[in-house]
N, C-alpha and C. Protein backbone atom coordinates (compact mmCIF):
# COMPACT_ATOMS: atom_id res chain seq x y z
N MET A 1 0.61 -1.07 0.10
CA MET A 1 0.03 -0.07 0.03
C MET A 1 0.86 1.25 0.16
N ASP A 2 2.05 1.46 0.97
CA ASP A 2 2.70 2.39 0.96
C ASP A 2 3.26 2.61 -0.15
N ALA A 3 3.82 1.52 -1.04
CA ALA A 3 4.76 1.68 -2.45
C ALA A 3 3.57 2.11 -3.29
N VAL A 4 2.42 1.77 -3.35
CA VAL A 4 1.55 1.92 -4.51
C VAL A 4 1.50 3.74 -4.32
N LEU A 5 1.02 4.07 -2.82
CA LEU A 5 0.89 5.36 -2.81
C LEU A 5 2.06 6.36 -2.98
N ASP A 6 3.09 5.89 -2.81
CA ASP A 6 4.38 6.67 -3.06
C ASP A 6 4.63 6.91 -4.72
N ALA A 7 4.29 5.54 -5.14
CA ALA A 7 4.50 5.82 -6.68
C ALA A 7 3.49 6.73 -7.51
N LEU A 8 2.28 6.81 -6.86
CA LEU A 8 1.01 7.47 -7.29
C LEU A 8 1.08 9.24 -7.28
N ARG A 9 2.00 9.16 -5.96
CA ARG A 9 2.20 10.63 -5.70
C ARG A 9 3.45 11.42 -6.27
N SER A 10 4.05 10.45 -7.22
CA SER A 10 5.22 11.02 -7.83
C SER A 10 4.70 12.11 -9.03
N GLU A 11 5.55 13.11 -9.25
CA GLU A 11 5.10 14.20 -10.57
C GLU A 11 5.10 13.52 -11.55
N GLN A 12 5.96 12.42 -11.99
CA GLN A 12 5.85 11.69 -13.29
C GLN A 12 6.09 9.99 -13.01
N PRO A 13 4.76 9.72 -12.62
CA PRO A 13 4.33 8.46 -12.39
C PRO A 13 4.85 7.46 -13.10
N ASP A 14 5.51 6.47 -12.83
CA ASP A 14 6.04 5.25 -13.81
C ASP A 14 4.61 4.17 -13.81
N LEU A 15 4.11 4.16 -14.91
CA LEU A 15 3.05 3.51 -14.84
C LEU A 15 2.85 2.00 -14.85
N PRO A 16 4.26 1.39 -15.70
CA PRO A 16 4.16 -0.04 -15.41
C PRO A 16 4.62 -0.50 -13.81
N ASP A 17 5.42 0.33 -13.59
CA ASP A 17 5.90 -0.05 -11.84
C ASP A 17 4.47 0.11 -10.92
N ILE A 18 3.71 1.36 -11.12
CA ILE A 18 2.37 1.49 -10.40
C ILE A 18 1.47 0.18 -10.75
N ASP A 19 1.33 -0.15 -12.00
CA ASP A 19 0.40 -1.45 -12.44
C ASP A 19 1.16 -2.59 -11.48
N GLU A 20 2.42 -2.78 -11.55
CA GLU A 20 2.69 -4.03 -10.88
C GLU A 20 2.55 -3.88 -9.44
N LYS A 21 3.01 -2.67 -8.72
CA LYS A 21 2.56 -2.65 -7.21
C LYS A 21 1.04 -2.65 -7.00
N ILE A 22 0.49 -2.09 -7.76
CA ILE A 22 -1.40 -2.24 -7.67
C ILE A 22 -1.57 -3.86 -7.56
N GLY A 23 -0.94 -4.43 -8.38
CA GLY A 23 -1.38 -6.02 -8.54
C GLY A 23 -0.90 -6.44 -7.38
N ARG A 24 0.30 -6.21 -6.84
CA ARG A 24 0.63 -7.23 -5.40
C ARG A 24 -0.38 -6.54 -4.44
N PHE A 25 -0.52 -5.15 -4.46
CA PHE A 25 -1.25 -4.77 -3.63
C PHE A 25 -2.62 -5.65 -3.61
N ILE A 26 -3.45 -5.67 -4.54
CA ILE A 26 -4.52 -6.40 -4.72
C ILE A 26 -4.72 -7.91 -4.29
N THR A 27 -3.73 -8.65 -4.53
CA THR A 27 -3.31 -10.04 -4.22
C THR A 27 -3.41 -9.90 -2.61
N LEU A 28 -2.54 -9.23 -2.05
CA LEU A 28 -2.47 -8.82 -0.76
C LEU A 28 -3.61 -8.71 0.14
N ALA A 29 -4.34 -7.56 -0.57
CA ALA A 29 -5.73 -7.23 0.01
C ALA A 29 -6.66 -8.13 -0.12
N ARG A 30 -6.66 -9.00 -1.08
CA ARG A 30 -7.84 -10.10 -0.97
C ARG A 30 -7.92 -11.24 0.11
N GLU A 31 -6.22 -11.50 0.08
CA GLU A 31 -5.97 -12.55 1.47
C GLU A 31 -6.42 -11.86 2.80
N VAL A 32 -6.07 -10.57 2.82
CA VAL A 32 -6.74 -9.81 4.11
C VAL A 32 -8.09 -9.92 4.41
N HIS A 33 -8.93 -9.54 3.26
CA HIS A 33 -10.42 -9.67 3.33
C HIS A 33 -10.82 -10.85 3.50
N ARG A 34 -10.08 -12.10 2.87
CA ARG A 34 -10.75 -13.24 3.02
C ARG A 34 -10.42 -13.60 4.48
N ALA A 35 -9.19 -13.29 5.54
CA ALA A 35 -9.13 -13.65 6.69
C ALA A 35 -9.94 -12.90 7.43
N CYS A 36 -10.27 -11.52 7.10
CA CYS A 36 -11.25 -10.91 7.93
C CYS A 36 -12.67 -11.52 7.87
N GLU A 37 -13.17 -12.20 6.71
CA GLU A 37 -14.40 -12.76 6.67
C GLU A 37 -14.64 -13.86 7.54
N ILE A 38 -13.30 -14.58 7.58
CA ILE A 38 -13.68 -15.58 8.88
C ILE A 38 -13.55 -15.23 10.04
N VAL A 39 -12.93 -14.19 10.32
CA VAL A 39 -13.05 -13.56 11.67
C VAL A 39 -14.33 -13.21 11.73
N ILE A 40 -15.21 -12.55 10.82
CA ILE A 40 -16.40 -11.88 11.12
C ILE A 40 -17.17 -12.86 11.26
N LEU A 41 -17.25 -13.84 10.46
CA LEU A 41 -18.12 -15.08 10.54
C LEU A 41 -18.09 -15.97 11.84
N GLU A 42 -16.82 -16.09 12.18
CA GLU A 42 -16.45 -17.26 13.56
C GLU A 42 -15.89 -16.50 14.57
N GLY A 43 -15.53 -15.35 14.47
CA GLY A 43 -14.73 -14.81 15.67
C GLY A 43 -15.67 -14.06 16.49
N PRO A 44 -15.24 -13.82 18.03
CA PRO A 44 -16.14 -13.20 18.91
C PRO A 44 -16.75 -11.81 18.47
N ALA A 45 -17.92 -11.28 18.79
CA ALA A 45 -18.31 -10.09 18.22
C ALA A 45 -17.30 -8.86 18.09
N PRO A 46 -16.86 -8.74 19.58
CA PRO A 46 -15.67 -7.28 19.32
C PRO A 46 -14.68 -7.41 18.33
N VAL A 47 -14.03 -8.85 18.20
CA VAL A 47 -12.83 -8.85 17.34
C VAL A 47 -13.69 -8.62 15.73
N ALA A 48 -14.73 -9.36 15.76
CA ALA A 48 -15.84 -9.42 14.42
C ALA A 48 -15.83 -7.84 13.80
N GLU A 49 -16.05 -7.09 14.75
CA GLU A 49 -16.45 -5.59 14.35
C GLU A 49 -15.40 -4.82 14.03
N VAL A 50 -14.20 -5.20 14.43
CA VAL A 50 -12.95 -4.35 14.17
C VAL A 50 -12.65 -5.10 12.76
N ALA A 51 -12.34 -6.36 12.60
CA ALA A 51 -12.18 -6.91 11.30
C ALA A 51 -13.23 -6.28 10.23
N GLU A 52 -14.13 -6.13 10.52
CA GLU A 52 -15.42 -5.54 9.45
C GLU A 52 -14.75 -4.04 9.30
N ARG A 53 -14.23 -3.21 10.39
CA ARG A 53 -13.78 -1.87 10.01
C ARG A 53 -12.37 -1.86 9.28
N VAL A 54 -11.56 -3.19 9.49
CA VAL A 54 -10.31 -3.14 8.52
C VAL A 54 -10.94 -3.50 7.20
N THR A 55 -11.82 -4.16 6.85
CA THR A 55 -12.26 -4.66 5.58
C THR A 55 -12.72 -3.32 4.94
N VAL A 56 -13.53 -2.72 5.36
CA VAL A 56 -14.36 -1.52 4.79
C VAL A 56 -13.17 -0.36 4.60
N ALA A 57 -12.38 -0.15 5.60
CA ALA A 57 -10.96 1.01 5.39
C ALA A 57 -10.20 0.34 4.26
N SER A 58 -9.99 -0.54 4.13
CA SER A 58 -9.21 -1.30 3.26
C SER A 58 -9.51 -1.11 1.91
N SER A 59 -10.90 -1.29 1.79
CA SER A 59 -11.87 -1.21 0.64
C SER A 59 -11.85 0.40 0.11
N ASP A 60 -12.31 1.19 1.05
CA ASP A 60 -12.20 2.74 0.69
C ASP A 60 -10.65 3.30 0.30
N LEU A 61 -9.87 2.77 0.94
CA LEU A 61 -8.52 3.20 0.52
C LEU A 61 -8.19 2.63 -1.18
N SER A 62 -8.51 1.24 -1.33
CA SER A 62 -8.39 0.83 -2.46
C SER A 62 -9.19 1.48 -3.69
N HIS A 63 -10.35 2.16 -3.43
CA HIS A 63 -11.15 2.74 -4.29
C HIS A 63 -10.11 4.09 -4.82
N VAL A 64 -9.94 4.83 -3.82
CA VAL A 64 -8.95 6.09 -4.10
C VAL A 64 -7.75 5.80 -4.95
N MET A 65 -6.98 4.67 -4.44
CA MET A 65 -5.75 4.21 -5.30
C MET A 65 -6.20 4.11 -6.81
N ARG A 66 -7.17 3.15 -6.90
CA ARG A 66 -7.76 2.67 -8.04
C ARG A 66 -7.88 4.02 -9.05
N ARG A 67 -8.64 4.87 -8.72
CA ARG A 67 -8.91 6.39 -9.28
C ARG A 67 -7.38 6.99 -9.75
N MET A 68 -6.71 7.03 -8.72
CA MET A 68 -5.86 7.87 -8.93
C MET A 68 -4.54 7.23 -10.07
N ALA A 69 -4.85 5.54 -10.28
CA ALA A 69 -4.00 5.09 -11.20
C ALA A 69 -4.69 5.06 -12.39
N GLU A 70 -6.05 5.31 -12.41
CA GLU A 70 -6.84 5.19 -13.75
C GLU A 70 -6.45 6.93 -14.26
N ASN A 71 -6.35 7.90 -13.33
CA ASN A 71 -6.44 9.12 -13.78
C ASN A 71 -4.72 9.40 -14.08
N ALA A 72 -3.89 8.63 -13.68
CA ALA A 72 -2.38 8.77 -13.85
C ALA A 72 -2.13 8.23 -15.64
N HIS A 73 -2.99 7.08 -15.65
CA HIS A 73 -3.01 6.27 -16.96
C HIS A 73 -3.55 7.62 -18.02
N ALA A 74 -4.45 8.16 -17.55
CA ALA A 74 -5.30 9.06 -18.63
C ALA A 74 -4.26 10.45 -18.70
N GLY A 75 -3.39 10.57 -17.92
CA GLY A 75 -2.63 11.98 -17.74
C GLY A 75 -3.60 12.99 -17.30
N ASN A 76 -4.52 12.60 -16.38
CA ASN A 76 -5.44 13.37 -16.08
C ASN A 76 -4.86 13.72 -14.46
N ALA A 77 -4.47 15.08 -14.25
CA ALA A 77 -3.83 15.28 -12.79
C ALA A 77 -4.82 16.32 -12.11
N THR A 78 -6.36 16.62 -12.56
CA THR A 78 -6.97 17.72 -12.16
C THR A 78 -7.46 17.54 -10.59
N ARG A 79 -7.31 16.02 -10.14
CA ARG A 79 -7.96 15.71 -8.95
C ARG A 79 -6.60 15.15 -8.05
N LYS A 80 -5.40 15.42 -8.58
CA LYS A 80 -4.27 14.57 -7.91
C LYS A 80 -4.10 15.04 -6.35
N ALA A 81 -4.23 16.43 -6.25
CA ALA A 81 -3.92 16.87 -4.95
C ALA A 81 -5.06 16.45 -3.86
N GLU A 82 -5.99 16.50 -4.43
CA GLU A 82 -7.33 15.96 -3.77
C GLU A 82 -7.43 14.78 -3.14
N ASP A 83 -6.94 13.78 -4.48
CA ASP A 83 -6.85 12.52 -4.06
C ASP A 83 -5.61 11.95 -3.10
N ILE A 84 -4.70 12.71 -3.26
CA ILE A 84 -3.66 12.52 -2.51
C ILE A 84 -4.00 12.65 -0.87
N ALA A 85 -4.63 13.59 -0.87
CA ALA A 85 -5.00 14.03 0.68
C ALA A 85 -6.21 12.80 1.08
N LEU A 86 -7.18 12.71 0.28
CA LEU A 86 -7.91 11.72 0.65
C LEU A 86 -7.47 10.51 0.81
N ALA A 87 -6.22 10.00 -0.16
CA ALA A 87 -5.49 8.73 0.25
C ALA A 87 -5.02 8.58 1.57
N ALA A 88 -4.35 9.91 2.00
CA ALA A 88 -3.65 10.10 3.28
C ALA A 88 -4.70 9.95 4.24
N GLU A 89 -5.64 10.42 4.42
CA GLU A 89 -6.96 10.18 5.25
C GLU A 89 -7.29 8.90 5.53
N ARG A 90 -7.65 8.30 4.37
CA ARG A 90 -7.96 6.98 4.25
C ARG A 90 -6.93 5.68 4.79
N GLU A 91 -5.56 6.22 4.63
CA GLU A 91 -4.41 5.62 5.01
C GLU A 91 -4.50 5.63 6.58
N ARG A 92 -4.50 6.49 7.10
CA ARG A 92 -4.56 6.79 8.58
C ARG A 92 -5.76 5.91 9.28
N THR A 93 -6.98 5.85 8.46
CA THR A 93 -8.03 5.21 8.94
C THR A 93 -8.08 3.71 8.83
N LEU A 94 -7.05 3.31 7.95
CA LEU A 94 -6.80 1.80 7.87
C LEU A 94 -5.85 1.53 8.83
N TYR A 95 -4.74 2.22 8.89
CA TYR A 95 -3.72 1.82 10.14
C TYR A 95 -4.50 1.72 11.35
N LYS A 96 -5.46 2.79 11.57
CA LYS A 96 -5.99 2.80 13.16
C LYS A 96 -6.89 1.53 13.20
N ALA A 97 -7.52 1.22 12.09
CA ALA A 97 -8.51 0.08 12.34
C ALA A 97 -7.74 -1.27 12.42
N VAL A 98 -6.45 -1.36 11.73
CA VAL A 98 -5.60 -2.59 11.95
C VAL A 98 -5.32 -2.65 13.41
N LYS A 99 -4.61 -1.30 14.12
CA LYS A 99 -4.26 -1.46 15.12
C LYS A 99 -5.24 -1.77 16.22
N ASP A 100 -6.70 -1.42 16.00
CA ASP A 100 -7.44 -1.79 16.83
C ASP A 100 -7.90 -3.34 16.64
N PHE A 101 -7.82 -3.81 15.80
CA PHE A 101 -8.09 -5.00 15.37
C PHE A 101 -6.87 -5.84 16.30
N ARG A 102 -5.87 -5.26 16.16
CA ARG A 102 -4.52 -6.19 16.92
C ARG A 102 -4.95 -5.96 18.50
N LEU A 103 -5.42 -4.87 18.99
CA LEU A 103 -5.68 -4.86 20.39
C LEU A 103 -6.84 -5.63 20.88
N ALA A 104 -7.92 -5.77 19.91
CA ALA A 104 -9.25 -6.37 20.25
C ALA A 104 -8.77 -8.08 20.27
N ALA A 105 -7.83 -8.60 19.19
CA ALA A 105 -7.79 -9.80 19.06
C ALA A 105 -6.87 -10.25 20.29
N ARG A 106 -5.70 -9.47 20.52
CA ARG A 106 -4.97 -9.70 21.90
C ARG A 106 -5.61 -9.79 22.84
N SER A 107 -6.69 -9.03 23.40
CA SER A 107 -7.37 -8.84 24.52
C SER A 107 -8.28 -10.36 24.56
N THR A 108 -8.65 -10.88 23.45
CA THR A 108 -9.56 -11.75 23.30
C THR A 108 -8.53 -13.09 23.75
N ILE A 109 -7.68 -13.10 23.27
CA ILE A 109 -6.50 -14.06 23.53
C ILE A 109 -5.83 -14.21 24.84
N GLY A 110 -6.27 -13.01 25.50
CA GLY A 110 -5.52 -13.10 26.76
C GLY A 110 -4.42 -12.56 27.05
N LYS A 111 -3.69 -11.57 25.94
CA LYS A 111 -2.22 -11.08 26.07
C LYS A 111 -2.57 -9.72 26.29
N THR A 112 -1.87 -8.80 27.01
CA THR A 112 -2.25 -7.27 27.37
C THR A 112 -0.82 -6.90 26.73
N ASN A 113 0.08 -7.40 26.30
CA ASN A 113 1.43 -6.39 26.17
C ASN A 113 1.88 -6.88 24.76
């Protein structure tokens, strides 16, 4: 995710590099979503709720990155600054959701540190 966003923020984006990084991100994001689905279906409610937030936050960030990549391919920079700011906000939301997931999971399994 960080590599994709860094590449998309560039003044002269390397489109093949961006496409490769997005492909890797999509593969990893799908694995995370599948794991979250198992937690949502089978896990305790507090952990499932936070896993759902991870899934939503990841999806929200993915939508912004996809639009940024499409705009880079089209040579359209009209929304670039706005999308960079939105991506940063969505990235923070995702990091917070992941942090909250870790805390909820650790609490559920009895680990406090």
